[in-house]
Amino acid sequence: YRFDDSWYYGLPELTRERYAGQRRISNPGCYATAMQLVVAPMLDALE
């Protein structure tokens, strides 16, 4: 369900503001967690 927009994608450090009481939460992948956290701070500067 990580690609299902009706589920909350639960990487709290990056998606916490999207949580609005959803009762269906998709836990991110292990590699996907490490990758997103290492890329996110530079996202607006990427080429």
All heavy atoms as atom14 arrays in JSON, in Angstrom:
{
  "sequence": "YRFDDSWYYGLPELTRERYAGQRRISNPGCYATAMQLVVAPMLDALE",
  "atom14_mask": [
    [1, 1, 1, 1, 1, 1, 1, 1, 1, 1, 1, 1, 0, 0],
    [1, 1, 1, 1, 1, 1, 1, 1, 1, 1, 1, 0, 0, 0],
    [1, 1, 1, 1, 1, 1, 1, 1, 1, 1, 1, 0, 0, 0],
    [1, 1, 1, 1, 1, 1, 1, 1, 0, 0, 0, 0, 0, 0],
    [1, 1, 1, 1, 1, 1, 1, 1, 0, 0, 0, 0, 0, 0],
    [1, 1, 1, 1, 1, 1, 0, 0, 0, 0, 0, 0, 0, 0],
    [1, 1, 1, 1, 1, 1, 1, 1, 1, 1, 1, 1, 1, 1],
    [1, 1, 1, 1, 1, 1, 1, 1, 1, 1, 1, 1, 0, 0],
    [1, 1, 1, 1, 1, 1, 1, 1, 1, 1, 1, 1, 0, 0],
    [1, 1, 1, 1, 0, 0, 0, 0, 0, 0, 0, 0, 0, 0],
    [1, 1, 1, 1, 1, 1, 1, 1, 0, 0, 0, 0, 0, 0],
    [1, 1, 1, 1, 1, 1, 1, 0, 0, 0, 0, 0, 0, 0],
    [1, 1, 1, 1, 1, 1, 1, 1, 1, 0, 0, 0, 0, 0],
    [1, 1, 1, 1, 1, 1, 1, 1, 0, 0, 0, 0, 0, 0],
    [1, 1, 1, 1, 1, 1, 1, 0, 0, 0, 0, 0, 0, 0],
    [1, 1, 1, 1, 1, 1, 1, 1, 1, 1, 1, 0, 0, 0],
    [1, 1, 1, 1, 1, 1, 1, 1, 1, 0, 0, 0, 0, 0],
    [1, 1, 1, 1, 1, 1, 1, 1, 1, 1, 1, 0, 0, 0],
    [1, 1, 1, 1, 1, 1, 1, 1, 1, 1, 1, 1, 0, 0],
    [1, 1, 1, 1, 1, 0, 0, 0, 0, 0, 0, 0, 0, 0],
    [1, 1, 1, 1, 0, 0, 0, 0, 0, 0, 0, 0, 0, 0],
    [1, 1, 1, 1, 1, 1, 1, 1, 1, 0, 0, 0, 0, 0],
    [1, 1, 1, 1, 1, 1, 1, 1, 1, 1, 1, 0, 0, 0],
    [1, 1, 1, 1, 1, 1, 1, 1, 1, 1, 1, 0, 0, 0],
    [1, 1, 1, 1, 1, 1, 1, 1, 0, 0, 0, 0, 0, 0],
    [1, 1, 1, 1, 1, 1, 0, 0, 0, 0, 0, 0, 0, 0],
    [1, 1, 1, 1, 1, 1, 1, 1, 0, 0, 0, 0, 0, 0],
    [1, 1, 1, 1, 1, 1, 1, 0, 0, 0, 0, 0, 0, 0],
    [1, 1, 1, 1, 0, 0, 0, 0, 0, 0, 0, 0, 0, 0],
    [1, 1, 1, 1, 1, 1, 0, 0, 0, 0, 0, 0, 0, 0],
    [1, 1, 1, 1, 1, 1, 1, 1, 1, 1, 1, 1, 0, 0],
    [1, 1, 1, 1, 1, 0, 0, 0, 0, 0, 0, 0, 0, 0],
    [1, 1, 1, 1, 1, 1, 1, 0, 0, 0, 0, 0, 0, 0],
    [1, 1, 1, 1, 1, 0, 0, 0, 0, 0, 0, 0, 0, 0],
    [1, 1, 1, 1, 1, 1, 1, 1, 0, 0, 0, 0, 0, 0],
    [1, 1, 1, 1, 1, 1, 1, 1, 1, 0, 0, 0, 0, 0],
    [1, 1, 1, 1, 1, 1, 1, 1, 0, 0, 0, 0, 0, 0],
    [1, 1, 1, 1, 1, 1, 1, 0, 0, 0, 0, 0, 0, 0],
    [1, 1, 1, 1, 1, 1, 1, 0, 0, 0, 0, 0, 0, 0],
    [1, 1, 1, 1, 1, 0, 0, 0, 0, 0, 0, 0, 0, 0],
    [1, 1, 1, 1, 1, 1, 1, 0, 0, 0, 0, 0, 0, 0],
    [1, 1, 1, 1, 1, 1, 1, 1, 0, 0, 0, 0, 0, 0],
    [1, 1, 1, 1, 1, 1, 1, 1, 0, 0, 0, 0, 0, 0],
    [1, 1, 1, 1, 1, 1, 1, 1, 0, 0, 0, 0, 0, 0],
    [1, 1, 1, 1, 1, 0, 0, 0, 0, 0, 0, 0, 0, 0],
    [1, 1, 1, 1, 1, 1, 1, 1, 0, 0, 0, 0, 0, 0],
    [1, 1, 1, 1, 1, 1, 1, 1, 1, 0, 0, 0, 0, 0]
  ],
  "atom14_positions": [
    [[0.81, -1.22, 0.0], [0.0, 0.0, 0.0], [0.84, 1.27, 0.0], [0.3, 2.36, 0.2], [-0.96, -0.01, 1.2], [-1.99, -1.1, 1.08], [-1.78, -2.34, 1.68], [-3.15, -0.92, 0.32], [-2.72, -3.37, 1.54], [-4.08, -1.94, 0.18], [-3.86, -3.16, 0.79], [-4.78, -4.18, 0.64], [0.0, 0.0, 0.0], [0.0, 0.0, 0.0]],
    [[2.14, 1.15, -0.25], [3.0, 2.34, -0.26], [2.73, 3.25, -1.46], [3.17, 4.4, -1.48], [4.47, 1.92, -0.24], [4.89, 1.28, 1.08], [6.32, 0.8, 1.03], [6.59, -0.08, 2.15], [7.54, -1.01, 2.16], [8.31, -1.17, 1.08], [7.72, -1.77, 3.22], [0.0, 0.0, 0.0], [0.0, 0.0, 0.0], [0.0, 0.0, 0.0]],
    [[2.04, 2.72, -2.46], [1.75, 3.5, -3.66], [0.25, 3.83, -3.74], [-0.23, 4.24, -4.79], [2.2, 2.72, -4.9], [3.68, 2.42, -4.91], [4.19, 1.31, -4.27], [4.56, 3.29, -5.54], [5.55, 1.04, -4.26], [5.93, 3.03, -5.54], [6.42, 1.9, -4.89], [0.0, 0.0, 0.0], [0.0, 0.0, 0.0], [0.0, 0.0, 0.0]],
    [[-0.46, 3.66, -2.64], [-1.9, 3.89, -2.58], [-2.15, 5.2, -1.84], [-1.91, 5.3, -0.63], [-2.57, 2.71, -1.86], [-4.08, 2.79, -1.88], [-4.63, 3.9, -1.95], [-4.73, 1.72, -1.79], [0.0, 0.0, 0.0], [0.0, 0.0, 0.0], [0.0, 0.0, 0.0], [0.0, 0.0, 0.0], [0.0, 0.0, 0.0], [0.0, 0.0, 0.0]],
    [[-2.64, 6.2, -2.53], [-2.83, 7.53, -1.93], [-3.93, 7.57, -0.87], [-4.05, 8.56, -0.14], [-3.14, 8.56, -3.01], [-1.93, 8.89, -3.87], [-0.8, 8.72, -3.38], [-2.12, 9.31, -5.03], [0.0, 0.0, 0.0], [0.0, 0.0, 0.0], [0.0, 0.0, 0.0], [0.0, 0.0, 0.0], [0.0, 0.0, 0.0], [0.0, 0.0, 0.0]],
    [[-4.75, 6.52, -0.8], [-5.77, 6.49, 0.25], [-5.19, 6.07, 1.6], [-5.87, 6.15, 2.62], [-6.91, 5.55, -0.15], [-6.49, 4.2, -0.14], [0.0, 0.0, 0.0], [0.0, 0.0, 0.0], [0.0, 0.0, 0.0], [0.0, 0.0, 0.0], [0.0, 0.0, 0.0], [0.0, 0.0, 0.0], [0.0, 0.0, 0.0], [0.0, 0.0, 0.0]],
    [[-3.94, 5.63, 1.62], [-3.25, 5.25, 2.85], [-2.27, 6.37, 3.21], [-1.7, 7.02, 2.35], [-2.47, 3.95, 2.67], [-3.32, 2.71, 2.68], [-4.38, 2.44, 1.88], [-3.16, 1.59, 3.54], [-4.91, 1.21, 2.18], [-4.17, 0.66, 3.19], [-2.26, 1.25, 4.55], [-4.31, -0.57, 3.83], [-2.39, 0.02, 5.18], [-3.41, -0.87, 4.84]],
    [[-2.08, 6.56, 4.53], [-1.04, 7.46, 5.0], [0.3, 6.75, 4.92], [0.46, 5.63, 5.4], [-1.33, 7.89, 6.45], [-0.17, 8.58, 7.13], [0.23, 9.85, 6.76], [0.53, 7.94, 8.16], [1.29, 10.48, 7.4], [1.59, 8.56, 8.8], [1.97, 9.82, 8.41], [3.03, 10.44, 9.03], [0.0, 0.0, 0.0], [0.0, 0.0, 0.0]],
    [[1.27, 7.41, 4.29], [2.62, 6.87, 4.18], [3.41, 7.33, 5.39], [3.72, 8.51, 5.54], [3.26, 7.34, 2.88], [4.65, 6.83, 2.64], [4.87, 5.57, 2.11], [5.76, 7.63, 2.92], [6.17, 5.11, 1.87], [7.04, 7.18, 2.68], [7.25, 5.92, 2.17], [8.53, 5.47, 1.93], [0.0, 0.0, 0.0], [0.0, 0.0, 0.0]],
    [[3.73, 6.38, 6.28], [4.19, 6.72, 7.61], [5.68, 6.83, 7.82], [6.27, 6.03, 8.56], [0.0, 0.0, 0.0], [0.0, 0.0, 0.0], [0.0, 0.0, 0.0], [0.0, 0.0, 0.0], [0.0, 0.0, 0.0], [0.0, 0.0, 0.0], [0.0, 0.0, 0.0], [0.0, 0.0, 0.0], [0.0, 0.0, 0.0], [0.0, 0.0, 0.0]],
    [[6.31, 7.83, 7.21], [7.68, 8.21, 7.55], [7.58, 9.52, 8.32], [7.68, 10.61, 7.76], [8.53, 8.35, 6.29], [10.0, 8.78, 6.44], [10.71, 7.99, 7.53], [10.74, 8.64, 5.13], [0.0, 0.0, 0.0], [0.0, 0.0, 0.0], [0.0, 0.0, 0.0], [0.0, 0.0, 0.0], [0.0, 0.0, 0.0], [0.0, 0.0, 0.0]],
    [[7.33, 9.44, 9.64], [6.89, 10.61, 10.4], [7.79, 11.83, 10.26], [7.3, 12.96, 10.2], [6.86, 10.1, 11.85], [6.58, 8.64, 11.71], [7.33, 8.21, 10.49], [0.0, 0.0, 0.0], [0.0, 0.0, 0.0], [0.0, 0.0, 0.0], [0.0, 0.0, 0.0], [0.0, 0.0, 0.0], [0.0, 0.0, 0.0], [0.0, 0.0, 0.0]],
    [[9.1, 11.62, 10.21], [10.02, 12.76, 10.12], [9.78, 13.61, 8.87], [10.11, 14.79, 8.86], [11.47, 12.27, 10.14], [11.94, 11.72, 11.49], [11.55, 10.28, 11.73], [10.92, 9.67, 10.83], [11.85, 9.75, 12.82], [0.0, 0.0, 0.0], [0.0, 0.0, 0.0], [0.0, 0.0, 0.0], [0.0, 0.0, 0.0], [0.0, 0.0, 0.0]],
    [[9.22, 13.0, 7.83], [8.97, 13.72, 6.59], [7.49, 13.88, 6.26], [7.14, 14.76, 5.46], [9.67, 13.01, 5.42], [11.19, 12.87, 5.51], [11.73, 12.24, 4.23], [11.88, 14.2, 5.78], [0.0, 0.0, 0.0], [0.0, 0.0, 0.0], [0.0, 0.0, 0.0], [0.0, 0.0, 0.0], [0.0, 0.0, 0.0], [0.0, 0.0, 0.0]],
    [[6.63, 13.05, 6.81], [5.22, 13.07, 6.41], [4.25, 13.34, 7.56], [3.05, 13.23, 7.4], [4.82, 11.73, 5.74], [4.86, 10.67, 6.73], [5.76, 11.38, 4.6], [0.0, 0.0, 0.0], [0.0, 0.0, 0.0], [0.0, 0.0, 0.0], [0.0, 0.0, 0.0], [0.0, 0.0, 0.0], [0.0, 0.0, 0.0], [0.0, 0.0, 0.0]],
    [[4.78, 13.7, 8.71], [3.94, 13.88, 9.9], [2.79, 14.86, 9.65], [1.67, 14.65, 10.12], [4.83, 14.38, 11.04], [4.17, 14.41, 12.4], [5.18, 14.89, 13.45], [6.27, 13.95, 13.65], [7.56, 14.23, 13.47], [7.92, 15.45, 13.06], [8.48, 13.32, 13.69], [0.0, 0.0, 0.0], [0.0, 0.0, 0.0], [0.0, 0.0, 0.0]],
    [[3.06, 15.9, 8.89], [2.03, 16.92, 8.66], [0.88, 16.4, 7.8], [-0.19, 17.02, 7.76], [2.65, 18.15, 8.02], [3.6, 18.9, 8.95], [4.19, 20.14, 8.3], [3.87, 20.38, 7.12], [4.95, 20.86, 8.97], [0.0, 0.0, 0.0], [0.0, 0.0, 0.0], [0.0, 0.0, 0.0], [0.0, 0.0, 0.0], [0.0, 0.0, 0.0]],
    [[1.09, 15.29, 7.11], [0.02, 14.71, 6.3], [-0.92, 13.82, 7.12], [-1.95, 13.38, 6.61], [0.6, 13.86, 5.17], [1.53, 14.58, 4.22], [2.02, 13.62, 3.14], [3.33, 13.97, 2.63], [4.1, 13.16, 1.94], [3.68, 11.93, 1.68], [5.28, 13.55, 1.51], [0.0, 0.0, 0.0], [0.0, 0.0, 0.0], [0.0, 0.0, 0.0]],
    [[-0.54, 13.52, 8.36], [-1.39, 12.62, 9.15], [-2.6, 13.36, 9.69], [-2.47, 14.38, 10.37], [-0.62, 11.97, 10.3], [-1.46, 10.92, 10.98], [-1.74, 9.73, 10.33], [-2.03, 11.14, 12.24], [-2.54, 8.76, 10.92], [-2.83, 10.19, 12.83], [-3.09, 9.0, 12.17], [-3.9, 8.05, 12.74], [0.0, 0.0, 0.0], [0.0, 0.0, 0.0]],
    [[-3.78, 12.84, 9.35], [-5.03, 13.49, 9.77], [-5.99, 12.44, 10.32], [-7.18, 12.47, 10.04], [-5.65, 14.24, 8.6], [0.0, 0.0, 0.0], [0.0, 0.0, 0.0], [0.0, 0.0, 0.0], [0.0, 0.0, 0.0], [0.0, 0.0, 0.0], [0.0, 0.0, 0.0], [0.0, 0.0, 0.0], [0.0, 0.0, 0.0], [0.0, 0.0, 0.0]],
    [[-5.46, 11.5, 11.09], [-6.3, 10.5, 11.72], [-6.58, 9.28, 10.88], [-7.46, 8.47, 11.22], [0.0, 0.0, 0.0], [0.0, 0.0, 0.0], [0.0, 0.0, 0.0], [0.0, 0.0, 0.0], [0.0, 0.0, 0.0], [0.0, 0.0, 0.0], [0.0, 0.0, 0.0], [0.0, 0.0, 0.0], [0.0, 0.0, 0.0], [0.0, 0.0, 0.0]],
    [[-5.85, 9.08, 9.77], [-6.09, 7.91, 8.92], [-5.9, 6.62, 9.73], [-4.99, 6.53, 10.56], [-5.13, 7.91, 7.72], [-5.31, 9.07, 6.77], [-4.39, 10.24, 7.08], [-4.14, 10.55, 8.25], [-3.88, 10.88, 6.04], [0.0, 0.0, 0.0], [0.0, 0.0, 0.0], [0.0, 0.0, 0.0], [0.0, 0.0, 0.0], [0.0, 0.0, 0.0]],
    [[-6.74, 5.63, 9.46], [-6.65, 4.34, 10.16], [-5.91, 3.3, 9.34], [-5.84, 2.13, 9.74], [-8.05, 3.82, 10.53], [-8.95, 4.8, 11.23], [-8.23, 5.55, 12.36], [-8.0, 4.72, 13.54], [-7.14, 5.05, 14.52], [-6.4, 6.13, 14.41], [-7.0, 4.27, 15.56], [0.0, 0.0, 0.0], [0.0, 0.0, 0.0], [0.0, 0.0, 0.0]],
    [[-5.38, 3.68, 8.2], [-4.61, 2.78, 7.35], [-3.25, 3.44, 7.1], [-3.17, 4.49, 6.47], [-5.32, 2.51, 6.02], [-6.74, 1.94, 6.17], [-6.71, 0.51, 6.68], [-8.06, -0.02, 6.88], [-8.7, -0.03, 8.04], [-8.12, 0.5, 9.12], [-9.9, -0.56, 8.15], [0.0, 0.0, 0.0], [0.0, 0.0, 0.0], [0.0, 0.0, 0.0]],
    [[-2.2, 2.83, 7.62], [-0.86, 3.4, 7.55], [0.08, 2.4, 6.89], [0.2, 1.25, 7.33], [-0.33, 3.78, 8.95], [-1.24, 4.84, 9.6], [1.11, 4.27, 8.86], [-0.82, 5.24, 10.99], [0.0, 0.0, 0.0], [0.0, 0.0, 0.0], [0.0, 0.0, 0.0], [0.0, 0.0, 0.0], [0.0, 0.0, 0.0], [0.0, 0.0, 0.0]],
    [[0.77, 2.86, 5.86], [1.76, 2.04, 5.18], [3.15, 2.38, 5.72], [3.57, 3.54, 5.66], [1.7, 2.29, 3.68], [2.66, 1.5, 3.0], [0.0, 0.0, 0.0], [0.0, 0.0, 0.0], [0.0, 0.0, 0.0], [0.0, 0.0, 0.0], [0.0, 0.0, 0.0], [0.0, 0.0, 0.0], [0.0, 0.0, 0.0], [0.0, 0.0, 0.0]],
    [[3.82, 1.38, 6.27], [5.18, 1.57, 6.8], [6.18, 1.62, 5.64], [6.16, 0.75, 4.78], [5.53, 0.4, 7.72], [6.18, 0.82, 9.0], [5.65, 1.65, 9.73], [7.34, 0.25, 9.29], [0.0, 0.0, 0.0], [0.0, 0.0, 0.0], [0.0, 0.0, 0.0], [0.0, 0.0, 0.0], [0.0, 0.0, 0.0], [0.0, 0.0, 0.0]],
    [[7.06, 2.61, 5.59], [8.01, 2.69, 4.48], [8.99, 1.52, 4.47], [9.22, 0.85, 5.48], [8.76, 3.99, 4.75], [7.84, 4.79, 5.6], [7.12, 3.8, 6.45], [0.0, 0.0, 0.0], [0.0, 0.0, 0.0], [0.0, 0.0, 0.0], [0.0, 0.0, 0.0], [0.0, 0.0, 0.0], [0.0, 0.0, 0.0], [0.0, 0.0, 0.0]],
    [[9.61, 1.3, 3.31], [10.66, 0.3, 3.21], [11.9, 0.72, 3.97], [12.12, 1.9, 4.25], [0.0, 0.0, 0.0], [0.0, 0.0, 0.0], [0.0, 0.0, 0.0], [0.0, 0.0, 0.0], [0.0, 0.0, 0.0], [0.0, 0.0, 0.0], [0.0, 0.0, 0.0], [0.0, 0.0, 0.0], [0.0, 0.0, 0.0], [0.0, 0.0, 0.0]],
    [[12.74, -0.27, 4.3], [13.93, 0.02, 5.1], [14.91, 0.9, 4.33], [15.3, 1.98, 4.8], [14.59, -1.28, 5.55], [14.96, -2.44, 4.22], [0.0, 0.0, 0.0], [0.0, 0.0, 0.0], [0.0, 0.0, 0.0], [0.0, 0.0, 0.0], [0.0, 0.0, 0.0], [0.0, 0.0, 0.0], [0.0, 0.0, 0.0], [0.0, 0.0, 0.0]],
    [[15.31, 0.46, 3.15], [16.19, 1.29, 2.33], [15.53, 2.63, 2.01], [16.19, 3.68, 1.99], [16.49, 0.58, 1.01], [17.72, -0.29, 0.98], [17.65, -1.6, 0.48], [18.96, 0.18, 1.38], [18.78, -2.4, 0.41], [20.09, -0.62, 1.31], [20.01, -1.9, 0.82], [21.13, -2.68, 0.73], [0.0, 0.0, 0.0], [0.0, 0.0, 0.0]],
    [[14.22, 2.6, 1.75], [13.52, 3.83, 1.38], [13.56, 4.85, 2.5], [13.63, 6.07, 2.25], [12.08, 3.5, 1.01], [0.0, 0.0, 0.0], [0.0, 0.0, 0.0], [0.0, 0.0, 0.0], [0.0, 0.0, 0.0], [0.0, 0.0, 0.0], [0.0, 0.0, 0.0], [0.0, 0.0, 0.0], [0.0, 0.0, 0.0], [0.0, 0.0, 0.0]],
    [[13.53, 4.4, 3.75], [13.63, 5.32, 4.89], [14.98, 6.01, 4.9], [15.07, 7.24, 4.98], [13.41, 4.54, 6.2], [12.06, 4.05, 6.24], [13.67, 5.41, 7.41], [0.0, 0.0, 0.0], [0.0, 0.0, 0.0], [0.0, 0.0, 0.0], [0.0, 0.0, 0.0], [0.0, 0.0, 0.0], [0.0, 0.0, 0.0], [0.0, 0.0, 0.0]],
    [[16.05, 5.23, 4.81], [17.4, 5.81, 4.85], [17.64, 6.73, 3.67], [18.26, 7.79, 3.81], [18.44, 4.69, 4.87], [0.0, 0.0, 0.0], [0.0, 0.0, 0.0], [0.0, 0.0, 0.0], [0.0, 0.0, 0.0], [0.0, 0.0, 0.0], [0.0, 0.0, 0.0], [0.0, 0.0, 0.0], [0.0, 0.0, 0.0], [0.0, 0.0, 0.0]],
    [[17.16, 6.36, 2.48], [17.36, 7.19, 1.3], [16.62, 8.51, 1.42], [17.17, 9.59, 1.13], [16.93, 6.44, 0.05], [17.93, 5.4, -0.41], [17.59, 4.77, -2.08], [16.29, 3.57, -1.74], [0.0, 0.0, 0.0], [0.0, 0.0, 0.0], [0.0, 0.0, 0.0], [0.0, 0.0, 0.0], [0.0, 0.0, 0.0], [0.0, 0.0, 0.0]],
    [[15.35, 8.48, 1.82], [14.57, 9.72, 1.89], [15.15, 10.68, 2.92], [15.22, 11.89, 2.69], [13.11, 9.4, 2.21], [12.38, 8.78, 1.04], [10.96, 8.4, 1.4], [10.08, 9.25, 1.43], [10.73, 7.13, 1.68], [0.0, 0.0, 0.0], [0.0, 0.0, 0.0], [0.0, 0.0, 0.0], [0.0, 0.0, 0.0], [0.0, 0.0, 0.0]],
    [[15.56, 10.14, 4.07], [16.08, 11.01, 5.11], [17.41, 11.65, 4.72], [17.71, 12.78, 5.12], [16.22, 10.22, 6.42], [14.9, 9.82, 7.07], [15.14, 8.89, 8.25], [14.1, 11.05, 7.52], [0.0, 0.0, 0.0], [0.0, 0.0, 0.0], [0.0, 0.0, 0.0], [0.0, 0.0, 0.0], [0.0, 0.0, 0.0], [0.0, 0.0, 0.0]],
    [[18.21, 10.95, 3.92], [19.5, 11.51, 3.53], [19.37, 12.5, 2.36], [20.19, 13.39, 2.2], [20.52, 10.39, 3.21], [20.31, 9.81, 1.83], [21.95, 10.88, 3.37], [0.0, 0.0, 0.0], [0.0, 0.0, 0.0], [0.0, 0.0, 0.0], [0.0, 0.0, 0.0], [0.0, 0.0, 0.0], [0.0, 0.0, 0.0], [0.0, 0.0, 0.0]],
    [[18.32, 12.36, 1.57], [18.13, 13.25, 0.42], [17.29, 14.48, 0.76], [17.54, 15.58, 0.25], [17.46, 12.47, -0.75], [17.09, 13.41, -1.9], [18.38, 11.36, -1.25], [0.0, 0.0, 0.0], [0.0, 0.0, 0.0], [0.0, 0.0, 0.0], [0.0, 0.0, 0.0], [0.0, 0.0, 0.0], [0.0, 0.0, 0.0], [0.0, 0.0, 0.0]],
    [[16.3, 14.34, 1.63], [15.28, 15.38, 1.83], [15.83, 16.77, 2.15], [15.31, 17.77, 1.6], [14.31, 14.93, 2.92], [0.0, 0.0, 0.0], [0.0, 0.0, 0.0], [0.0, 0.0, 0.0], [0.0, 0.0, 0.0], [0.0, 0.0, 0.0], [0.0, 0.0, 0.0], [0.0, 0.0, 0.0], [0.0, 0.0, 0.0], [0.0, 0.0, 0.0]],
    [[16.84, 16.93, 3.0], [17.29, 18.3, 3.3], [17.83, 19.07, 2.1], [17.88, 20.3, 2.13], [18.38, 18.07, 4.36], [18.01, 16.78, 5.02], [17.49, 15.93, 3.89], [0.0, 0.0, 0.0], [0.0, 0.0, 0.0], [0.0, 0.0, 0.0], [0.0, 0.0, 0.0], [0.0, 0.0, 0.0], [0.0, 0.0, 0.0], [0.0, 0.0, 0.0]],
    [[18.24, 18.36, 1.05], [18.8, 19.02, -0.13], [17.83, 19.01, -1.31], [18.21, 19.41, -2.42], [20.11, 18.34, -0.54], [21.17, 18.28, 0.53], [21.67, 19.91, 1.15], [22.39, 20.63, -0.32], [0.0, 0.0, 0.0], [0.0, 0.0, 0.0], [0.0, 0.0, 0.0], [0.0, 0.0, 0.0], [0.0, 0.0, 0.0], [0.0, 0.0, 0.0]],
    [[16.61, 18.61, -1.09], [15.69, 18.34, -2.2], [15.5, 19.55, -3.11], [15.47, 19.42, -4.34], [14.34, 17.87, -1.63], [13.34, 17.27, -2.61], [13.93, 16.08, -3.34], [12.06, 16.86, -1.86], [0.0, 0.0, 0.0], [0.0, 0.0, 0.0], [0.0, 0.0, 0.0], [0.0, 0.0, 0.0], [0.0, 0.0, 0.0], [0.0, 0.0, 0.0]],
    [[15.38, 20.73, -2.53], [15.12, 21.92, -3.35], [16.36, 22.4, -4.11], [16.26, 23.31, -4.94], [14.56, 23.05, -2.48], [15.57, 23.57, -1.46], [16.54, 22.83, -1.15], [15.4, 24.7, -0.98], [0.0, 0.0, 0.0], [0.0, 0.0, 0.0], [0.0, 0.0, 0.0], [0.0, 0.0, 0.0], [0.0, 0.0, 0.0], [0.0, 0.0, 0.0]],
    [[17.51, 21.8, -3.86], [18.75, 22.23, -4.51], [19.28, 21.2, -5.51], [20.35, 21.41, -6.08], [19.83, 22.5, -3.45], [0.0, 0.0, 0.0], [0.0, 0.0, 0.0], [0.0, 0.0, 0.0], [0.0, 0.0, 0.0], [0.0, 0.0, 0.0], [0.0, 0.0, 0.0], [0.0, 0.0, 0.0], [0.0, 0.0, 0.0], [0.0, 0.0, 0.0]],
    [[18.53, 20.13, -5.74], [19.05, 19.04, -6.57], [19.0, 19.38, -8.05], [18.08, 20.04, -8.53], [18.24, 17.77, -6.3], [18.35, 17.18, -4.9], [17.43, 15.97, -4.77], [19.79, 16.8, -4.57], [0.0, 0.0, 0.0], [0.0, 0.0, 0.0], [0.0, 0.0, 0.0], [0.0, 0.0, 0.0], [0.0, 0.0, 0.0], [0.0, 0.0, 0.0]],
    [[19.99, 18.84, -8.74], [20.05, 18.96, -10.2], [20.21, 17.54, -10.75], [21.25, 16.92, -10.59], [21.26, 19.82, -10.62], [21.47, 19.92, -12.11], [20.65, 21.03, -12.76], [19.77, 21.6, -12.08], [20.89, 21.31, -13.93], [0.0, 0.0, 0.0], [0.0, 0.0, 0.0], [0.0, 0.0, 0.0], [0.0, 0.0, 0.0], [0.0, 0.0, 0.0]]
  ]
}
